[in-house]
């Protein structure tokens, strides 16, 4: 199963960006989303930002992922 996680762009340098999700930051490639900017929410999969999403969609998705993680414990 493949899973893309929503994250907020907090810094952008050319085709690389720093994104944050649940307090964790990581660097991702922005090659597929050259117009995405700081403050945008993107779906991240395998180190690539693959799609932009609105803030509400990102929030709902993160809530569902947290709920699922709670059920696994």
C-alpha atoms as a PDB file:
ATOM      1  CA  UNK A   1       0.000   0.000   0.000  1.00  0.00           C
ATOM      2  CA  UNK A   2       1.239   3.491  -0.856  1.00  0.00           C
ATOM      3  CA  UNK A   3       0.557   6.399   1.425  1.00  0.00           C
ATOM      4  CA  UNK A   4       1.076  10.127   0.871  1.00  0.00           C
ATOM      5  CA  UNK A   5       1.111  12.321   3.966  1.00  0.00           C
ATOM      6  CA  UNK A   6       0.058  15.985   4.009  1.00  0.00           C
ATOM      7  CA  UNK A   7       2.740  18.438   5.122  1.00  0.00           C
ATOM      8  CA  UNK A   8       3.160  22.211   5.247  1.00  0.00           C
ATOM      9  CA  UNK A   9       5.982  23.860   3.320  1.00  0.00           C
ATOM     10  CA  UNK A  10       7.990  25.934   5.807  1.00  0.00           C
ATOM     11  CA  UNK A  11      11.024  26.737   3.643  1.00  0.00           C
ATOM     12  CA  UNK A  12      11.812  26.478  -0.043  1.00  0.00           C
ATOM     13  CA  UNK A  13      15.143  26.634  -1.865  1.00  0.00           C
ATOM     14  CA  UNK A  14      14.872  26.041  -5.612  1.00  0.00           C
ATOM     15  CA  UNK A  15      13.525  22.510  -6.134  1.00  0.00           C
ATOM     16  CA  UNK A  16      13.922  21.384  -2.498  1.00  0.00           C
ATOM     17  CA  UNK A  17      11.713  22.331   0.430  1.00  0.00           C
ATOM     18  CA  UNK A  18      11.527  21.748   4.144  1.00  0.00           C
ATOM     19  CA  UNK A  19       8.097  20.502   5.168  1.00  0.00           C
ATOM     20  CA  UNK A  20       6.566  19.951   8.598  1.00  0.00           C
ATOM     21  CA  UNK A  21       4.081  17.336   9.685  1.00  0.00           C
ATOM     22  CA  UNK A  22       3.125  16.765  13.320  1.00  0.00           C
ATOM     23  CA  UNK A  23       6.199  18.637  14.543  1.00  0.00           C
ATOM     24  CA  UNK A  24       8.636  16.672  12.372  1.00  0.00           C
ATOM     25  CA  UNK A  25      10.523  18.352   9.535  1.00  0.00           C
ATOM     26  CA  UNK A  26      12.145  16.821   6.492  1.00  0.00           C
ATOM     27  CA  UNK A  27      13.507  17.834   3.109  1.00  0.00           C
ATOM     28  CA  UNK A  28      11.522  16.883   0.022  1.00  0.00           C
ATOM     29  CA  UNK A  29      11.865  17.363  -3.709  1.00  0.00           C
ATOM     30  CA  UNK A  30       9.572  19.942  -5.303  1.00  0.00           C
ATOM     31  CA  UNK A  31      10.341  18.861  -8.881  1.00  0.00           C
ATOM     32  CA  UNK A  32       6.707  17.843  -9.459  1.00  0.00           C
ATOM     33  CA  UNK A  33       5.260  21.056  -7.973  1.00  0.00           C
ATOM     34  CA  UNK A  34       7.415  23.945  -9.182  1.00  0.00           C
ATOM     35  CA  UNK A  35       4.754  26.557  -8.292  1.00  0.00           C
ATOM     36  CA  UNK A  36       4.124  25.458  -4.676  1.00  0.00           C
ATOM     37  CA  UNK A  37       5.233  28.039  -2.134  1.00  0.00           C
ATOM     38  CA  UNK A  38       5.945  28.455   1.581  1.00  0.00           C
ATOM     39  CA  UNK A  39       2.695  28.066   3.506  1.00  0.00           C
ATOM     40  CA  UNK A  40       1.134  25.633   1.016  1.00  0.00           C
ATOM     41  CA  UNK A  41       0.146  22.124   2.049  1.00  0.00           C
ATOM     42  CA  UNK A  42       1.373  19.265  -0.124  1.00  0.00           C
ATOM     43  CA  UNK A  43       1.067  15.502  -0.166  1.00  0.00           C
ATOM     44  CA  UNK A  44       4.480  13.893   0.343  1.00  0.00           C
ATOM     45  CA  UNK A  45       5.314  10.414  -0.912  1.00  0.00           C
ATOM     46  CA  UNK A  46       8.761   8.808  -1.110  1.00  0.00           C
ATOM     47  CA  UNK A  47      10.545  12.133  -0.627  1.00  0.00           C
ATOM     48  CA  UNK A  48       8.563  14.007  -3.290  1.00  0.00           C
ATOM     49  CA  UNK A  49       5.783  16.571  -2.955  1.00  0.00           C
ATOM     50  CA  UNK A  50       3.255  15.140  -5.411  1.00  0.00           C
ATOM     51  CA  UNK A  51       0.116  17.290  -5.054  1.00  0.00           C
ATOM     52  CA  UNK A  52      -1.075  20.446  -3.331  1.00  0.00           C
ATOM     53  CA  UNK A  53      -4.051  20.232  -0.961  1.00  0.00           C
ATOM     54  CA  UNK A  54      -5.975  22.860   0.954  1.00  0.00           C
ATOM     55  CA  UNK A  55      -5.388  23.314   4.676  1.00  0.00           C
ATOM     56  CA  UNK A  56      -8.730  21.792   5.688  1.00  0.00           C
ATOM     57  CA  UNK A  57      -8.097  18.630   3.655  1.00  0.00           C
ATOM     58  CA  UNK A  58      -4.609  18.333   5.168  1.00  0.00           C
ATOM     59  CA  UNK A  59      -6.002  18.725   8.701  1.00  0.00           C
ATOM     60  CA  UNK A  60      -8.738  16.112   8.167  1.00  0.00           C
ATOM     61  CA  UNK A  61      -6.270  13.636   6.687  1.00  0.00           C
ATOM     62  CA  UNK A  62      -3.792  14.089   9.561  1.00  0.00           C
ATOM     63  CA  UNK A  63      -6.601  13.586  12.097  1.00  0.00           C
ATOM     64  CA  UNK A  64      -7.591  10.326  10.403  1.00  0.00           C
ATOM     65  CA  UNK A  65      -3.991   9.110  10.345  1.00  0.00           C
ATOM     66  CA  UNK A  66      -3.631   9.886  14.064  1.00  0.00           C
ATOM     67  CA  UNK A  67      -6.864   8.023  14.767  1.00  0.00           C
ATOM     68  CA  UNK A  68      -5.640   4.989  12.820  1.00  0.00           C
ATOM     69  CA  UNK A  69      -2.303   5.053  14.656  1.00  0.00           C
ATOM     70  CA  UNK A  70      -4.177   5.002  17.966  1.00  0.00           C
ATOM     71  CA  UNK A  71      -6.075   1.876  16.948  1.00  0.00           C
ATOM     72  CA  UNK A  72      -2.863  -0.014  16.169  1.00  0.00           C
ATOM     73  CA  UNK A  73      -1.516   0.326  19.723  1.00  0.00           C
END
